[in-house]
Amino acid sequence: MRNLRLVVAYDGTNYAGWQFQVNGPSIQERVERAWSKVTRERVRIIASGRTDAGVHARCQVCSVSTHCDLECDKLVRALSVNLPDDIVVEKVLPAPDGFHAIRDAVCKSYRYRIVAGLVRDVMELRHAWHVPMILDLDAMQQAARCFRGEHDFASFQAVGSRRLTTVRNVLDLEVDAVRRDGRQYISIRVTADGFLYNMVRIMAGSLVQVGRGRRTVQSVAGALLAADRNAAGQTAPAHGLCLESVCYGGWCNCGAGECPGKMLVP
């Protein structure tokens, strides 16, 4: 038996999320089916987080224990042949004994993308939320600073979710934009030690309300203190969200020289 780390990328448009679902196909189902075809064994592949229906991943990290002795690069090629075009196993790497994709994660980074402007960009319809007006980027950046640090994010969690604690530490949050063809291409990148259900999407929805002038910067700080879902903004659509990277302290796939998660590990 050996432990492996998989790095999986996918376009979530056609799926009911990562985890097995009765109401539609899941990414987990497709990856485990491909694994079974290649290795002739049935295994449970554990992802670092359960991305929702329509959410994408550039670098979803998974763990698996296997009796298969195929070399890692051969596994990558064989799995690719047996996966649909919108899912790819980009890497298969040896993992330490006992490695667990969820339990051992130190932090994750998500990116939420928005295309703002009167005219839609049809090439971005599957991967960015279209907002039909130019947004106040300065106000959004000011409001985003309220999220940085350790806070109770109960207001930014979907109603009905249950967690032992709603306190999370947002290590980094940046709102950037470029102007092109009369549109703003806005990127909200959030890195935290953990996320609540729909947390990034509610944060993004709240920031867009600030950008539209429907919410003040101060109201975002007030929403954090309120610990009440009604105090925060709308939940942004799923298709604008993408899991960008997961950090495990000694190993990180974010590609950054100074990953915020590495600062959490002695």
Protein backbone atom coordinates (compact mmCIF):
# COMPACT_ATOMS: atom_id res chain seq x y z
CA MET A 1 0.00 0.00 0.00
CA ARG A 2 1.32 3.46 -0.92
CA ASN A 3 -0.06 6.97 -0.50
CA LEU A 4 -0.34 9.35 -3.43
CA ARG A 5 -1.21 13.01 -3.92
CA LEU A 6 -3.25 13.92 -6.99
CA VAL A 7 -3.59 17.43 -8.43
CA VAL A 8 -6.85 17.63 -10.37
CA ALA A 9 -8.19 20.49 -12.49
CA TYR A 10 -11.73 20.72 -13.79
CA ASP A 11 -14.40 22.89 -15.33
CA GLY A 12 -17.34 22.36 -12.98
CA THR A 13 -20.06 23.56 -15.37
CA ASN A 14 -21.47 20.13 -16.13
CA TYR A 15 -21.17 18.65 -12.65
CA ALA A 16 -23.10 18.64 -9.37
CA GLY A 17 -19.89 19.38 -7.48
CA TRP A 18 -16.90 17.33 -6.36
CA GLN A 19 -18.70 14.91 -4.07
CA PHE A 20 -20.97 12.04 -5.15
CA GLN A 21 -24.53 13.30 -5.71
CA VAL A 22 -27.84 11.63 -6.51
CA ASN A 23 -29.01 14.60 -8.58
CA GLY A 24 -26.25 14.61 -11.17
CA PRO A 25 -22.72 13.56 -12.15
CA SER A 26 -19.85 14.53 -9.84
CA ILE A 27 -16.13 15.01 -10.40
CA GLN A 28 -15.34 12.45 -7.70
CA GLU A 29 -17.45 9.86 -9.50
CA ARG A 30 -15.63 10.46 -12.79
CA VAL A 31 -12.14 10.38 -11.24
CA GLU A 32 -12.81 7.23 -9.22
CA ARG A 33 -14.31 5.52 -12.26
CA ALA A 34 -11.19 6.36 -14.28
CA TRP A 35 -8.98 5.11 -11.45
CA SER A 36 -10.87 1.80 -11.38
CA LYS A 37 -10.44 1.32 -15.13
CA VAL A 38 -6.71 1.96 -14.94
CA THR A 39 -5.82 0.06 -11.76
CA ARG A 40 -8.65 -2.52 -11.48
CA GLU A 41 -9.21 -1.46 -7.88
CA ARG A 42 -11.95 0.54 -6.18
CA VAL A 43 -10.68 3.28 -3.92
CA ARG A 44 -12.02 6.40 -2.23
CA ILE A 45 -10.30 9.53 -3.55
CA ILE A 46 -10.46 12.34 -0.97
CA ALA A 47 -10.34 15.95 -2.13
CA SER A 48 -9.17 18.92 -0.06
CA GLY A 49 -12.69 20.40 -0.23
CA ARG A 50 -16.12 19.78 -1.69
CA THR A 51 -16.52 22.34 -4.45
CA ASP A 52 -20.19 23.04 -5.17
CA ALA A 53 -22.14 22.50 -8.38
CA GLY A 54 -20.73 24.71 -11.13
CA VAL A 55 -17.55 25.65 -9.22
CA HIS A 56 -14.23 25.09 -10.96
CA ALA A 57 -10.78 24.03 -9.75
CA ARG A 58 -7.38 24.79 -11.16
CA CYS A 59 -5.54 22.78 -8.50
CA GLN A 60 -7.75 20.52 -6.42
CA VAL A 61 -5.51 18.33 -4.25
CA CYS A 62 -6.59 14.76 -3.47
CA SER A 63 -5.23 11.87 -1.44
CA VAL A 64 -5.53 8.18 -2.21
CA SER A 65 -4.11 4.94 -0.79
CA THR A 66 -3.48 2.29 -3.41
CA HIS A 67 -1.96 -1.10 -4.14
CA CYS A 68 -1.23 0.00 -7.71
CA ASP A 69 2.49 0.01 -8.53
CA LEU A 70 2.31 2.00 -11.79
CA GLU A 71 4.78 4.88 -11.95
CA CYS A 72 3.28 8.29 -11.27
CA ASP A 73 3.79 9.68 -14.77
CA LYS A 74 2.18 6.58 -16.29
CA LEU A 75 -0.81 7.01 -13.98
CA VAL A 76 -1.23 10.58 -15.21
CA ARG A 77 -1.30 9.49 -18.84
CA ALA A 78 -3.60 6.52 -18.22
CA LEU A 79 -6.09 8.53 -16.18
CA SER A 80 -6.19 11.26 -18.82
CA VAL A 81 -7.32 8.76 -21.44
CA ASN A 82 -10.21 7.67 -19.23
CA LEU A 83 -11.46 11.10 -18.13
CA PRO A 84 -13.79 13.52 -19.94
CA ASP A 85 -12.26 16.57 -21.55
CA ASP A 86 -13.33 18.90 -18.72
CA ILE A 87 -11.44 16.97 -16.00
CA VAL A 88 -7.70 16.35 -15.93
CA VAL A 89 -5.32 14.80 -13.42
CA GLU A 90 -2.36 17.12 -13.86
CA LYS A 91 0.00 15.44 -11.40
CA VAL A 92 0.36 12.25 -9.40
CA LEU A 93 2.99 12.53 -6.67
CA PRO A 94 4.22 10.36 -3.79
CA ALA A 95 2.74 11.44 -0.45
CA PRO A 96 3.88 10.85 3.13
CA ASP A 97 2.38 7.99 5.12
CA GLY A 98 -1.00 9.00 6.46
CA PHE A 99 -1.35 12.01 4.18
CA HIS A 100 -4.95 13.26 4.16
CA ALA A 101 -6.01 15.95 1.68
CA ILE A 102 -8.55 17.56 4.04
CA ARG A 103 -7.02 17.12 7.47
CA ASP A 104 -3.48 18.15 6.52
CA ALA A 105 -4.36 21.28 4.52
CA VAL A 106 -2.95 24.47 6.07
CA CYS A 107 -4.72 26.96 3.80
CA LYS A 108 -6.54 27.28 0.49
CA SER A 109 -6.83 30.01 -2.11
CA TYR A 110 -9.92 30.73 -4.18
CA ARG A 111 -10.39 33.22 -6.98
CA TYR A 112 -13.72 34.80 -7.85
CA ARG A 113 -13.93 36.41 -11.30
CA ILE A 114 -16.30 39.15 -12.43
CA VAL A 115 -16.77 40.79 -15.81
CA ALA A 116 -18.38 44.19 -15.26
CA GLY A 117 -19.83 46.27 -18.08
CA LEU A 118 -22.95 46.76 -20.12
CA VAL A 119 -22.02 44.21 -22.80
CA ARG A 120 -21.37 40.58 -21.87
CA ASP A 121 -18.14 38.85 -22.83
CA VAL A 122 -19.43 35.60 -24.31
CA MET A 123 -16.05 33.90 -23.90
CA GLU A 124 -16.30 34.33 -20.12
CA LEU A 125 -19.89 33.23 -19.52
CA ARG A 126 -18.88 29.87 -17.97
CA HIS A 127 -16.15 31.25 -15.71
CA ALA A 128 -17.08 34.77 -14.59
CA TRP A 129 -20.13 36.56 -13.20
CA HIS A 130 -21.40 39.25 -15.56
CA VAL A 131 -22.42 42.44 -13.74
CA PRO A 132 -24.01 44.90 -16.21
CA MET A 133 -22.29 48.09 -15.02
CA ILE A 134 -18.82 49.41 -14.23
CA LEU A 135 -18.04 48.94 -10.53
CA ASP A 136 -16.29 51.24 -8.04
CA LEU A 137 -13.05 49.30 -7.68
CA ASP A 138 -11.59 51.59 -4.99
CA ALA A 139 -14.62 51.06 -2.75
CA MET A 140 -14.43 47.28 -3.28
CA GLN A 141 -10.75 47.27 -2.34
CA GLN A 142 -11.45 49.27 0.81
CA ALA A 143 -14.25 46.90 1.81
CA ALA A 144 -12.06 43.86 1.10
CA ARG A 145 -9.61 44.98 3.79
CA CYS A 146 -12.32 44.39 6.39
CA PHE A 147 -12.10 40.64 5.74
CA ARG A 148 -8.39 40.29 6.40
CA GLY A 149 -7.36 38.69 9.67
CA GLU A 150 -9.22 36.45 12.09
CA HIS A 151 -12.96 37.08 12.34
CA ASP A 152 -16.23 35.34 13.00
CA PHE A 153 -17.59 34.83 9.48
CA ALA A 154 -21.05 33.61 10.57
CA SER A 155 -22.68 36.32 8.42
CA PHE A 156 -20.85 34.93 5.39
CA GLN A 157 -22.07 31.36 5.69
CA ALA A 158 -25.08 29.81 3.96
CA VAL A 159 -28.16 29.50 6.17
CA GLY A 160 -28.47 26.04 7.70
CA SER A 161 -24.76 25.21 7.66
CA ARG A 162 -23.33 23.79 10.88
CA ARG A 163 -19.71 24.09 11.95
CA LEU A 164 -18.05 23.78 15.34
CA THR A 165 -16.78 27.32 14.88
CA THR A 166 -17.38 30.04 12.30
CA VAL A 167 -14.09 31.80 13.09
CA ARG A 168 -11.64 31.80 10.18
CA ASN A 169 -8.33 33.55 9.48
CA VAL A 170 -8.16 35.29 6.10
CA LEU A 171 -4.44 35.45 5.40
CA ASP A 172 -4.67 37.45 2.20
CA LEU A 173 -7.36 39.05 0.07
CA GLU A 174 -6.73 41.06 -3.08
CA VAL A 175 -9.15 42.73 -5.49
CA ASP A 176 -7.59 43.58 -8.86
CA ALA A 177 -8.99 44.64 -12.22
CA VAL A 178 -7.98 45.40 -15.77
CA ARG A 179 -10.00 47.46 -18.26
CA ARG A 180 -10.47 46.10 -21.76
CA ASP A 181 -13.04 46.72 -24.49
CA GLY A 182 -15.19 48.84 -22.20
CA ARG A 183 -15.32 46.19 -19.48
CA GLN A 184 -13.70 45.59 -16.10
CA TYR A 185 -12.19 42.14 -15.58
CA ILE A 186 -12.17 41.87 -11.78
CA SER A 187 -10.41 39.18 -9.76
CA ILE A 188 -11.01 38.58 -6.06
CA ARG A 189 -8.39 36.22 -4.63
CA VAL A 190 -8.87 34.96 -1.06
CA THR A 191 -6.47 32.84 0.97
CA ALA A 192 -7.60 31.52 4.36
CA ASP A 193 -6.95 28.72 6.82
CA GLY A 194 -10.45 27.43 6.10
CA PHE A 195 -13.74 28.40 4.50
CA LEU A 196 -17.38 28.16 5.49
CA TYR A 197 -20.06 26.96 3.09
CA ASN A 198 -20.53 29.63 0.38
CA MET A 199 -18.19 32.00 2.26
CA VAL A 200 -16.25 33.26 -0.76
CA ARG A 201 -19.39 33.64 -2.86
CA ILE A 202 -21.11 35.71 -0.15
CA MET A 203 -17.98 37.83 0.27
CA ALA A 204 -17.89 38.40 -3.49
CA GLY A 205 -21.59 39.23 -3.58
CA SER A 206 -21.14 41.74 -0.77
CA LEU A 207 -18.17 43.39 -2.51
CA VAL A 208 -20.14 43.71 -5.74
CA GLN A 209 -22.92 45.46 -3.82
CA VAL A 210 -20.29 47.89 -2.54
CA GLY A 211 -19.02 48.38 -6.09
CA ARG A 212 -22.56 49.12 -7.29
CA GLY A 213 -23.11 51.68 -4.52
CA ARG A 214 -25.80 49.58 -2.86
CA ARG A 215 -23.75 48.93 0.27
CA THR A 216 -21.18 51.01 2.15
CA VAL A 217 -17.69 49.94 3.13
CA GLN A 218 -18.70 50.34 6.77
CA SER A 219 -21.63 47.95 6.30
CA VAL A 220 -19.18 45.13 5.45
CA ALA A 221 -17.38 45.62 8.76
CA GLY A 222 -20.77 45.76 10.45
CA ALA A 223 -21.84 42.50 8.83
CA LEU A 224 -18.83 40.73 10.32
CA LEU A 225 -19.80 41.93 13.80
CA ALA A 226 -23.47 41.05 13.34
CA ALA A 227 -22.94 37.28 12.95
CA ASP A 228 -26.19 37.22 10.98
CA ARG A 229 -26.54 36.02 7.37
CA ASN A 230 -29.11 38.75 6.70
CA ALA A 231 -26.46 41.41 7.40
CA ALA A 232 -24.25 40.33 4.46
CA GLY A 233 -24.81 40.59 0.73
CA GLN A 234 -26.09 38.20 -1.90
CA THR A 235 -24.49 34.88 -2.75
CA ALA A 236 -22.59 35.33 -6.01
CA PRO A 237 -23.19 32.72 -8.75
CA ALA A 238 -21.16 29.52 -8.51
CA HIS A 239 -19.61 29.67 -11.99
CA GLY A 240 -17.35 32.63 -11.11
CA LEU A 241 -15.52 30.67 -8.39
CA CYS A 242 -12.37 28.60 -8.82
CA LEU A 243 -10.20 26.74 -6.31
CA GLU A 244 -6.71 27.97 -7.16
CA SER A 245 -4.36 26.23 -4.73
CA VAL A 246 -3.99 24.27 -1.50
CA CYS A 247 -1.03 24.56 0.86
CA TYR A 248 0.28 21.80 3.12
CA GLY A 249 3.11 23.76 4.70
CA GLY A 250 6.05 21.83 3.38
CA TRP A 251 4.34 21.36 0.03
CA CYS A 252 2.27 23.94 -1.83
CA ASN A 253 0.88 24.04 -5.36
CA CYS A 254 0.13 27.76 -5.43
CA GLY A 255 3.28 28.60 -7.38
CA ALA A 256 4.01 31.59 -5.16
CA GLY A 257 7.42 32.05 -3.61
CA GLU A 258 5.88 33.32 -0.37
CA CYS A 259 2.71 31.32 0.17
CA PRO A 260 0.78 32.77 3.16
CA GLY A 261 0.08 29.25 4.42
CA LYS A 262 3.75 28.48 4.89
CA MET A 263 3.91 31.19 7.55
CA LEU A 264 1.51 29.15 9.67
CA VAL A 265 3.87 26.18 9.85
CA PRO A 266 6.86 26.33 12.24
